[in-house]
Amino acid sequence: MRLRCVESISNDPEMVDVVRTLLYRSEIFGVPFSEALDVAMRGESDWTAGERELFAAFVSSLNQCLF
């Protein structure tokens, strides 16, 4: 499902939807989301950053996500 409001952020075909979403409502999705993601992916954990990246890539592939 694609949201027109998110698509309207940029006509650049190279810009992926994740970036469009971050720019759409930057007060919600921009810095706060990026900070939370940084803690999840790079914060203290029993798993390495590489393992967490691998988990994210695997889940993305299950969801047929190209990003």
PDB file of N, CA and C in Angstrom:
ATOM      1  N   MET A   1       0.845  -1.174   0.000  1.00  0.00           N
ATOM      2  CA  MET A   1       0.000   0.000   0.000  1.00  0.00           C
ATOM      3  C   MET A   1       0.891   1.239   0.000  1.00  0.00           C
ATOM      4  N   ARG A   2       0.607   2.154  -0.875  1.00  0.00           N
ATOM      5  CA  ARG A   2       1.387   3.383  -0.976  1.00  0.00           C
ATOM      6  C   ARG A   2       0.497   4.561  -0.589  1.00  0.00           C
ATOM      7  N   LEU A   3       1.062   5.481   0.154  1.00  0.00           N
ATOM      8  CA  LEU A   3       0.319   6.651   0.588  1.00  0.00           C
ATOM      9  C   LEU A   3       0.669   7.840  -0.288  1.00  0.00           C
ATOM     10  N   ARG A   4      -0.339   8.476  -0.861  1.00  0.00           N
ATOM     11  CA  ARG A   4      -0.100   9.624  -1.742  1.00  0.00           C
ATOM     12  C   ARG A   4       0.617  10.753  -1.018  1.00  0.00           C
ATOM     13  N   CYS A   5       0.283  10.966   0.257  1.00  0.00           N
ATOM     14  CA  CYS A   5       0.920  12.054   0.999  1.00  0.00           C
ATOM     15  C   CYS A   5       2.418  11.821   1.136  1.00  0.00           C
ATOM     16  N   VAL A   6       2.827  10.575   1.266  1.00  0.00           N
ATOM     17  CA  VAL A   6       4.248  10.260   1.363  1.00  0.00           C
ATOM     18  C   VAL A   6       4.898  10.341  -0.016  1.00  0.00           C
ATOM     19  N   GLU A   7       4.192   9.859  -1.030  1.00  0.00           N
ATOM     20  CA  GLU A   7       4.718   9.917  -2.389  1.00  0.00           C
ATOM     21  C   GLU A   7       4.921  11.352  -2.860  1.00  0.00           C
ATOM     22  N   SER A   8       4.121  12.279  -2.347  1.00  0.00           N
ATOM     23  CA  SER A   8       4.189  13.665  -2.807  1.00  0.00           C
ATOM     24  C   SER A   8       5.428  14.399  -2.289  1.00  0.00           C
ATOM     25  N   ILE A   9       6.183  13.823  -1.395  1.00  0.00           N
ATOM     26  CA  ILE A   9       7.366  14.473  -0.820  1.00  0.00           C
ATOM     27  C   ILE A   9       8.394  14.768  -1.892  1.00  0.00           C
ATOM     28  N   SER A  10       8.584  13.840  -2.826  1.00  0.00           N
ATOM     29  CA  SER A  10       9.603  14.028  -3.852  1.00  0.00           C
ATOM     30  C   SER A  10       9.220  13.270  -5.112  1.00  0.00           C
ATOM     31  N   ASN A  11       9.534  13.860  -6.257  1.00  0.00           N
ATOM     32  CA  ASN A  11       9.324  13.174  -7.532  1.00  0.00           C
ATOM     33  C   ASN A  11      10.565  12.397  -7.959  1.00  0.00           C
ATOM     34  N   ASP A  12      11.581  12.432  -7.137  1.00  0.00           N
ATOM     35  CA  ASP A  12      12.833  11.759  -7.449  1.00  0.00           C
ATOM     36  C   ASP A  12      12.627  10.245  -7.400  1.00  0.00           C
ATOM     37  N   PRO A  13      12.741   9.553  -8.536  1.00  0.00           N
ATOM     38  CA  PRO A  13      12.521   8.099  -8.550  1.00  0.00           C
ATOM     39  C   PRO A  13      13.585   7.327  -7.771  1.00  0.00           C
ATOM     40  N   GLU A  14      14.711   7.970  -7.485  1.00  0.00           N
ATOM     41  CA  GLU A  14      15.781   7.307  -6.738  1.00  0.00           C
ATOM     42  C   GLU A  14      15.528   7.314  -5.226  1.00  0.00           C
ATOM     43  N   MET A  15      14.637   8.205  -4.761  1.00  0.00           N
ATOM     44  CA  MET A  15      14.369   8.317  -3.330  1.00  0.00           C
ATOM     45  C   MET A  15      13.471   7.162  -2.885  1.00  0.00           C
ATOM     46  N   VAL A  16      13.952   6.387  -1.933  1.00  0.00           N
ATOM     47  CA  VAL A  16      13.178   5.241  -1.451  1.00  0.00           C
ATOM     48  C   VAL A  16      12.090   5.719  -0.486  1.00  0.00           C
ATOM     49  N   ASP A  17      11.050   4.894  -0.338  1.00  0.00           N
ATOM     50  CA  ASP A  17       9.906   5.273   0.479  1.00  0.00           C
ATOM     51  C   ASP A  17      10.259   5.494   1.944  1.00  0.00           C
ATOM     52  N   VAL A  18      11.275   4.799   2.439  1.00  0.00           N
ATOM     53  CA  VAL A  18      11.673   4.992   3.835  1.00  0.00           C
ATOM     54  C   VAL A  18      12.129   6.431   4.044  1.00  0.00           C
ATOM     55  N   VAL A  19      12.898   6.958   3.126  1.00  0.00           N
ATOM     56  CA  VAL A  19      13.368   8.341   3.226  1.00  0.00           C
ATOM     57  C   VAL A  19      12.205   9.310   3.079  1.00  0.00           C
ATOM     58  N   ARG A  20      11.294   9.029   2.168  1.00  0.00           N
ATOM     59  CA  ARG A  20      10.106   9.884   2.007  1.00  0.00           C
ATOM     60  C   ARG A  20       9.303   9.939   3.310  1.00  0.00           C
ATOM     61  N   THR A  21       9.152   8.800   3.966  1.00  0.00           N
ATOM     62  CA  THR A  21       8.412   8.750   5.225  1.00  0.00           C
ATOM     63  C   THR A  21       9.104   9.575   6.302  1.00  0.00           C
ATOM     64  N   LEU A  22      10.432   9.471   6.387  1.00  0.00           N
ATOM     65  CA  LEU A  22      11.182  10.261   7.371  1.00  0.00           C
ATOM     66  C   LEU A  22      10.997  11.755   7.127  1.00  0.00           C
ATOM     67  N   LEU A  23      10.901  12.157   5.872  1.00  0.00           N
ATOM     68  CA  LEU A  23      10.746  13.567   5.531  1.00  0.00           C
ATOM     69  C   LEU A  23       9.296  14.047   5.649  1.00  0.00           C
ATOM     70  N   TYR A  24       8.331  13.141   5.499  1.00  0.00           N
ATOM     71  CA  TYR A  24       6.917  13.511   5.502  1.00  0.00           C
ATOM     72  C   TYR A  24       6.503  14.170   6.813  1.00  0.00           C
ATOM     73  N   ARG A  25       6.739  13.543   7.918  1.00  0.00           N
ATOM     74  CA  ARG A  25       6.414  14.094   9.232  1.00  0.00           C
ATOM     75  C   ARG A  25       7.676  14.010  10.072  1.00  0.00           C
ATOM     76  N   SER A  26       8.615  14.876   9.772  1.00  0.00           N
ATOM     77  CA  SER A  26       9.930  14.779  10.398  1.00  0.00           C
ATOM     78  C   SER A  26       9.886  14.919  11.915  1.00  0.00           C
ATOM     79  N   GLU A  27       8.882  15.617  12.442  1.00  0.00           N
ATOM     80  CA  GLU A  27       8.786  15.749  13.901  1.00  0.00           C
ATOM     81  C   GLU A  27       8.442  14.422  14.574  1.00  0.00           C
ATOM     82  N   ILE A  28       7.868  13.500  13.811  1.00  0.00           N
ATOM     83  CA  ILE A  28       7.535  12.172  14.340  1.00  0.00           C
ATOM     84  C   ILE A  28       8.490  11.128  13.792  1.00  0.00           C
ATOM     85  N   PHE A  29       8.623  11.088  12.480  1.00  0.00           N
ATOM     86  CA  PHE A  29       9.392  10.033  11.829  1.00  0.00           C
ATOM     87  C   PHE A  29      10.858  10.383  11.626  1.00  0.00           C
ATOM     88  N   GLY A  30      11.201  11.638  11.668  1.00  0.00           N
ATOM     89  CA  GLY A  30      12.579  12.052  11.412  1.00  0.00           C
ATOM     90  C   GLY A  30      13.509  11.725  12.550  1.00  0.00           C
ATOM     91  N   VAL A  31      13.844  12.720  13.349  1.00  0.00           N
ATOM     92  CA  VAL A  31      14.817  12.548  14.431  1.00  0.00           C
ATOM     93  C   VAL A  31      14.351  11.538  15.484  1.00  0.00           C
ATOM     94  N   PRO A  32      13.108  11.615  16.011  1.00  0.00           N
ATOM     95  CA  PRO A  32      12.718  10.640  17.051  1.00  0.00           C
ATOM     96  C   PRO A  32      12.807   9.183  16.577  1.00  0.00           C
ATOM     97  N   PHE A  33      12.333   8.928  15.376  1.00  0.00           N
ATOM     98  CA  PHE A  33      12.392   7.559  14.851  1.00  0.00           C
ATOM     99  C   PHE A  33      13.834   7.140  14.627  1.00  0.00           C
ATOM    100  N   SER A  34      14.634   8.026  14.053  1.00  0.00           N
ATOM    101  CA  SER A  34      16.036   7.708  13.787  1.00  0.00           C
ATOM    102  C   SER A  34      16.805   7.439  15.075  1.00  0.00           C
ATOM    103  N   GLU A  35      16.517   8.210  16.121  1.00  0.00           N
ATOM    104  CA  GLU A  35      17.183   7.982  17.405  1.00  0.00           C
ATOM    105  C   GLU A  35      16.793   6.633  18.004  1.00  0.00           C
ATOM    106  N   ALA A  36      15.502   6.286  17.932  1.00  0.00           N
ATOM    107  CA  ALA A  36      15.041   4.998  18.452  1.00  0.00           C
ATOM    108  C   ALA A  36      15.653   3.848  17.650  1.00  0.00           C
ATOM    109  N   LEU A  37      15.735   4.022  16.345  1.00  0.00           N
ATOM    110  CA  LEU A  37      16.341   3.001  15.495  1.00  0.00           C
ATOM    111  C   LEU A  37      17.818   2.830  15.818  1.00  0.00           C
ATOM    112  N   ASP A  38      18.505   3.936  16.070  1.00  0.00           N
ATOM    113  CA  ASP A  38      19.921   3.875  16.413  1.00  0.00           C
ATOM    114  C   ASP A  38      20.131   3.093  17.709  1.00  0.00           C
ATOM    115  N   VAL A  39      19.274   3.302  18.702  1.00  0.00           N
ATOM    116  CA  VAL A  39      19.377   2.553  19.963  1.00  0.00           C
ATOM    117  C   VAL A  39      19.138   1.069  19.707  1.00  0.00           C
ATOM    118  N   ALA A  40      18.115   0.754  18.899  1.00  0.00           N
ATOM    119  CA  ALA A  40      17.804  -0.651  18.621  1.00  0.00           C
ATOM    120  C   ALA A  40      18.912  -1.343  17.842  1.00  0.00           C
ATOM    121  N   MET A  41      19.503  -0.638  16.890  1.00  0.00           N
ATOM    122  CA  MET A  41      20.489  -1.268  16.023  1.00  0.00           C
ATOM    123  C   MET A  41      21.927  -1.153  16.528  1.00  0.00           C
ATOM    124  N   ARG A  42      22.214  -0.145  17.342  1.00  0.00           N
ATOM    125  CA  ARG A  42      23.598   0.082  17.758  1.00  0.00           C
ATOM    126  C   ARG A  42      23.791   0.132  19.275  1.00  0.00           C
ATOM    127  N   GLY A  43      22.692   0.082  20.016  1.00  0.00           N
ATOM    128  CA  GLY A  43      22.790   0.167  21.472  1.00  0.00           C
ATOM    129  C   GLY A  43      23.336  -1.113  22.089  1.00  0.00           C
ATOM    130  N   GLU A  44      23.420  -1.094  23.393  1.00  0.00           N
ATOM    131  CA  GLU A  44      23.951  -2.237  24.129  1.00  0.00           C
ATOM    132  C   GLU A  44      23.075  -3.468  23.898  1.00  0.00           C
ATOM    133  N   SER A  45      23.706  -4.590  23.597  1.00  0.00           N
ATOM    134  CA  SER A  45      22.967  -5.809  23.298  1.00  0.00           C
ATOM    135  C   SER A  45      23.912  -7.006  23.340  1.00  0.00           C
ATOM    136  N   ASP A  46      23.343  -8.186  23.493  1.00  0.00           N
ATOM    137  CA  ASP A  46      24.124  -9.417  23.376  1.00  0.00           C
ATOM    138  C   ASP A  46      24.463  -9.714  21.918  1.00  0.00           C
ATOM    139  N   TRP A  47      23.709  -9.111  20.985  1.00  0.00           N
ATOM    140  CA  TRP A  47      23.943  -9.301  19.559  1.00  0.00           C
ATOM    141  C   TRP A  47      24.814  -8.184  19.010  1.00  0.00           C
ATOM    142  N   THR A  48      25.651  -8.516  18.054  1.00  0.00           N
ATOM    143  CA  THR A  48      26.486  -7.505  17.414  1.00  0.00           C
ATOM    144  C   THR A  48      25.621  -6.664  16.474  1.00  0.00           C
ATOM    145  N   ALA A  49      26.159  -5.511  16.083  1.00  0.00           N
ATOM    146  CA  ALA A  49      25.444  -4.665  15.114  1.00  0.00           C
ATOM    147  C   ALA A  49      25.240  -5.431  13.812  1.00  0.00           C
ATOM    148  N   GLY A  50      26.223  -6.214  13.414  1.00  0.00           N
ATOM    149  CA  GLY A  50      26.104  -7.012  12.189  1.00  0.00           C
ATOM    150  C   GLY A  50      24.994  -8.045  12.265  1.00  0.00           C
ATOM    151  N   GLU A  51      24.861  -8.696  13.427  1.00  0.00           N
ATOM    152  CA  GLU A  51      23.785  -9.678  13.603  1.00  0.00           C
ATOM    153  C   GLU A  51      22.419  -8.997  13.517  1.00  0.00           C
ATOM    154  N   ARG A  52      22.302  -7.837  14.139  1.00  0.00           N
ATOM    155  CA  ARG A  52      21.032  -7.102  14.084  1.00  0.00           C
ATOM    156  C   ARG A  52      20.702  -6.666  12.662  1.00  0.00           C
ATOM    157  N   GLU A  53      21.721  -6.262  11.904  1.00  0.00           N
ATOM    158  CA  GLU A  53      21.510  -5.904  10.496  1.00  0.00           C
ATOM    159  C   GLU A  53      21.042  -7.124   9.705  1.00  0.00           C
ATOM    160  N   LEU A  54      21.626  -8.275  10.000  1.00  0.00           N
ATOM    161  CA  LEU A  54      21.227  -9.513   9.331  1.00  0.00           C
ATOM    162  C   LEU A  54      19.783  -9.867   9.669  1.00  0.00           C
ATOM    163  N   PHE A  55      19.391  -9.723  10.929  1.00  0.00           N
ATOM    164  CA  PHE A  55      17.995  -9.967  11.320  1.00  0.00           C
ATOM    165  C   PHE A  55      17.057  -9.043  10.551  1.00  0.00           C
ATOM    166  N   ALA A  56      17.425  -7.766  10.464  1.00  0.00           N
ATOM    167  CA  ALA A  56      16.589  -6.795   9.757  1.00  0.00           C
ATOM    168  C   ALA A  56      16.482  -7.142   8.276  1.00  0.00           C
ATOM    169  N   ALA A  57      17.586  -7.543   7.669  1.00  0.00           N
ATOM    170  CA  ALA A  57      17.568  -7.923   6.255  1.00  0.00           C
ATOM    171  C   ALA A  57      16.701  -9.162   6.030  1.00  0.00           C
ATOM    172  N   PHE A  58      16.780 -10.117   6.948  1.00  0.00           N
ATOM    173  CA  PHE A  58      15.973 -11.333   6.820  1.00  0.00           C
ATOM    174  C   PHE A  58      14.486 -11.016   6.913  1.00  0.00           C
ATOM    175  N   VAL A  59      14.101 -10.208   7.887  1.00  0.00           N
ATOM    176  CA  VAL A  59      12.693  -9.837   8.039  1.00  0.00           C
ATOM    177  C   VAL A  59      12.218  -9.050   6.820  1.00  0.00           C
ATOM    178  N   SER A  60      13.052  -8.158   6.322  1.00  0.00           N
ATOM    179  CA  SER A  60      12.699  -7.399   5.119  1.00  0.00           C
ATOM    180  C   SER A  60      12.464  -8.341   3.940  1.00  0.00           C
ATOM    181  N   SER A  61      13.307  -9.360   3.810  1.00  0.00           N
ATOM    182  CA  SER A  61      13.122 -10.301   2.696  1.00  0.00           C
ATOM    183  C   SER A  61      11.827 -11.093   2.861  1.00  0.00           C
ATOM    184  N   LEU A  62      11.487 -11.460   4.100  1.00  0.00           N
ATOM    185  CA  LEU A  62      10.222 -12.155   4.336  1.00  0.00           C
ATOM    186  C   LEU A  62       9.030 -11.289   3.948  1.00  0.00           C
ATOM    187  N   ASN A  63       9.174  -9.986   4.173  1.00  0.00           N
ATOM    188  CA  ASN A  63       8.112  -9.024   3.845  1.00  0.00           C
ATOM    189  C   ASN A  63       8.187  -8.543   2.407  1.00  0.00           C
ATOM    190  N   GLN A  64       9.105  -9.119   1.638  1.00  0.00           N
ATOM    191  CA  GLN A  64       9.324  -8.749   0.245  1.00  0.00           C
ATOM    192  C   GLN A  64       9.614  -7.264   0.092  1.00  0.00           C
ATOM    193  N   CYS A  65      10.379  -6.740   1.040  1.00  0.00           N
ATOM    194  CA  CYS A  65      10.764  -5.334   1.041  1.00  0.00           C
ATOM    195  C   CYS A  65      12.092  -5.189   0.304  1.00  0.00           C
ATOM    196  N   LEU A  66      12.164  -4.260  -0.626  1.00  0.00           N
ATOM    197  CA  LEU A  66      13.366  -4.084  -1.430  1.00  0.00           C
ATOM    198  C   LEU A  66      14.411  -3.227  -0.718  1.00  0.00           C
ATOM    199  N   PHE A  67      14.039  -2.565   0.360  1.00  0.00           N
ATOM    200  CA  PHE A  67      14.975  -1.651   1.023  1.00  0.00           C
ATOM    201  C   PHE A  67      15.886  -2.387   1.951  1.00  0.00           C
TER     202      PHE A  67
END
